[in-house]
Amino acid sequence: MKIRLDLTSADLRELNDPETTQAVIAEAHAILDHIFEEKDNLIKCSITVDGDKE
């Protein structure tokens, strides 16, 4: 399983602010915990388009 968390510029600012760093990290951990708890209910879909056959 691959998991990628994309951070917004606001997230990055808060991550670099000592007063809000722990809140951002806690939120990321909560998201990951939820993903692992619900992993059997998640659906993965990948679509690949061959540029020559469009």
N, C-alpha and C. Protein backbone atom coordinates (compact mmCIF):
# COMPACT_ATOMS: atom_id res chain seq x y z
N MET A 1 0.85 -1.17 0.00
CA MET A 1 0.00 0.00 0.00
C MET A 1 0.89 1.23 0.00
N LYS A 2 0.60 2.14 -0.91
CA LYS A 2 1.30 3.42 -0.93
C LYS A 2 0.36 4.50 -0.42
N ILE A 3 0.88 5.32 0.44
CA ILE A 3 0.09 6.43 0.97
C ILE A 3 0.90 7.70 0.77
N ARG A 4 0.23 8.69 0.21
CA ARG A 4 0.89 9.97 -0.01
C ARG A 4 0.00 11.07 0.58
N LEU A 5 0.58 11.86 1.45
CA LEU A 5 -0.13 13.00 2.01
C LEU A 5 0.39 14.26 1.33
N ASP A 6 -0.49 14.98 0.70
CA ASP A 6 -0.11 16.24 0.07
C ASP A 6 -0.39 17.38 1.04
N LEU A 7 0.61 18.17 1.30
CA LEU A 7 0.46 19.30 2.20
C LEU A 7 0.26 20.58 1.40
N THR A 8 -0.64 21.40 1.86
CA THR A 8 -0.85 22.70 1.22
C THR A 8 0.21 23.66 1.74
N SER A 9 0.29 24.82 1.13
CA SER A 9 1.26 25.82 1.60
C SER A 9 0.92 26.24 3.04
N ALA A 10 -0.36 26.28 3.36
CA ALA A 10 -0.76 26.62 4.73
C ALA A 10 -0.29 25.53 5.70
N ASP A 11 -0.42 24.25 5.29
CA ASP A 11 0.07 23.16 6.13
C ASP A 11 1.57 23.29 6.38
N LEU A 12 2.31 23.61 5.33
CA LEU A 12 3.76 23.74 5.46
C LEU A 12 4.13 24.91 6.38
N ARG A 13 3.39 26.02 6.26
CA ARG A 13 3.65 27.15 7.17
C ARG A 13 3.40 26.73 8.60
N GLU A 14 2.28 26.04 8.83
CA GLU A 14 1.94 25.60 10.18
C GLU A 14 2.91 24.55 10.70
N LEU A 15 3.42 23.70 9.79
CA LEU A 15 4.40 22.70 10.18
C LEU A 15 5.70 23.34 10.62
N ASN A 16 6.04 24.47 10.02
CA ASN A 16 7.28 25.17 10.37
C ASN A 16 7.13 26.14 11.53
N ASP A 17 5.90 26.33 12.00
CA ASP A 17 5.65 27.21 13.14
C ASP A 17 5.66 26.37 14.42
N PRO A 18 6.59 26.63 15.33
CA PRO A 18 6.68 25.81 16.55
C PRO A 18 5.37 25.73 17.34
N GLU A 19 4.51 26.74 17.22
CA GLU A 19 3.26 26.73 17.98
C GLU A 19 2.21 25.80 17.37
N THR A 20 2.31 25.52 16.07
CA THR A 20 1.29 24.70 15.40
C THR A 20 1.83 23.38 14.84
N THR A 21 3.13 23.15 14.98
CA THR A 21 3.74 21.93 14.44
C THR A 21 3.05 20.67 14.95
N GLN A 22 2.86 20.59 16.24
CA GLN A 22 2.28 19.38 16.83
C GLN A 22 0.85 19.13 16.34
N ALA A 23 0.09 20.19 16.11
CA ALA A 23 -1.28 20.03 15.62
C ALA A 23 -1.28 19.46 14.20
N VAL A 24 -0.38 19.92 13.36
CA VAL A 24 -0.29 19.41 11.99
C VAL A 24 0.13 17.94 12.00
N ILE A 25 1.11 17.62 12.81
CA ILE A 25 1.58 16.23 12.91
C ILE A 25 0.46 15.33 13.45
N ALA A 26 -0.26 15.80 14.44
CA ALA A 26 -1.36 15.02 15.01
C ALA A 26 -2.45 14.78 13.97
N GLU A 27 -2.75 15.78 13.17
CA GLU A 27 -3.77 15.63 12.12
C GLU A 27 -3.32 14.61 11.07
N ALA A 28 -2.05 14.66 10.68
CA ALA A 28 -1.52 13.69 9.71
C ALA A 28 -1.60 12.27 10.28
N HIS A 29 -1.27 12.10 11.56
CA HIS A 29 -1.36 10.78 12.19
C HIS A 29 -2.81 10.31 12.25
N ALA A 30 -3.73 11.20 12.53
CA ALA A 30 -5.14 10.83 12.58
C ALA A 30 -5.64 10.38 11.21
N ILE A 31 -5.20 11.06 10.16
CA ILE A 31 -5.58 10.67 8.80
C ILE A 31 -5.04 9.28 8.49
N LEU A 32 -3.77 9.05 8.81
CA LEU A 32 -3.16 7.74 8.56
C LEU A 32 -3.84 6.64 9.37
N ASP A 33 -4.16 6.92 10.63
CA ASP A 33 -4.87 5.93 11.45
C ASP A 33 -6.19 5.56 10.82
N HIS A 34 -6.93 6.56 10.35
CA HIS A 34 -8.22 6.31 9.71
C HIS A 34 -8.06 5.47 8.45
N ILE A 35 -7.04 5.77 7.65
CA ILE A 35 -6.79 5.00 6.43
C ILE A 35 -6.52 3.54 6.77
N PHE A 36 -5.67 3.29 7.77
CA PHE A 36 -5.35 1.91 8.13
C PHE A 36 -6.55 1.19 8.74
N GLU A 37 -7.39 1.90 9.47
CA GLU A 37 -8.59 1.28 10.03
C GLU A 37 -9.59 0.91 8.95
N GLU A 38 -9.66 1.71 7.90
CA GLU A 38 -10.65 1.51 6.84
C GLU A 38 -10.05 0.94 5.56
N LYS A 39 -8.83 0.41 5.63
CA LYS A 39 -8.13 -0.01 4.41
C LYS A 39 -8.90 -1.04 3.60
N ASP A 40 -9.69 -1.89 4.24
CA ASP A 40 -10.46 -2.89 3.50
C ASP A 40 -11.64 -2.29 2.77
N ASN A 41 -12.04 -1.09 3.16
CA ASN A 41 -13.18 -0.44 2.52
C ASN A 41 -12.76 0.59 1.46
N LEU A 42 -11.46 0.77 1.29
CA LEU A 42 -10.98 1.74 0.32
C LEU A 42 -10.91 1.10 -1.06
N ILE A 43 -11.20 1.88 -2.07
CA ILE A 43 -11.16 1.42 -3.46
C ILE A 43 -10.02 2.13 -4.16
N LYS A 44 -9.25 1.38 -4.91
CA LYS A 44 -8.18 1.97 -5.68
C LYS A 44 -8.52 1.82 -7.16
N CYS A 45 -8.37 2.89 -7.86
CA CYS A 45 -8.64 2.87 -9.29
C CYS A 45 -7.53 3.64 -9.99
N SER A 46 -6.94 3.00 -11.00
CA SER A 46 -5.92 3.65 -11.79
C SER A 46 -6.32 3.58 -13.25
N ILE A 47 -6.18 4.67 -13.96
CA ILE A 47 -6.50 4.72 -15.38
C ILE A 47 -5.25 5.20 -16.11
N THR A 48 -4.86 4.46 -17.11
CA THR A 48 -3.71 4.83 -17.92
C THR A 48 -4.19 5.01 -19.36
N VAL A 49 -3.85 6.13 -19.94
CA VAL A 49 -4.25 6.40 -21.31
C VAL A 49 -3.00 6.43 -22.17
N ASP A 50 -3.03 5.61 -23.23
CA ASP A 50 -1.93 5.60 -24.17
C ASP A 50 -2.14 6.76 -25.14
N GLY A 51 -1.22 7.72 -25.14
CA GLY A 51 -1.35 8.92 -25.95
C GLY A 51 -1.53 8.68 -27.44
N ASP A 52 -0.99 7.59 -27.95
CA ASP A 52 -1.08 7.29 -29.38
C ASP A 52 -2.44 6.70 -29.78
N LYS A 53 -3.22 6.27 -28.81
CA LYS A 53 -4.48 5.57 -29.12
C LYS A 53 -5.71 6.34 -28.68
N GLU A 54 -5.58 7.63 -28.43
CA GLU A 54 -6.73 8.40 -27.94
C GLU A 54 -7.77 8.58 -29.00
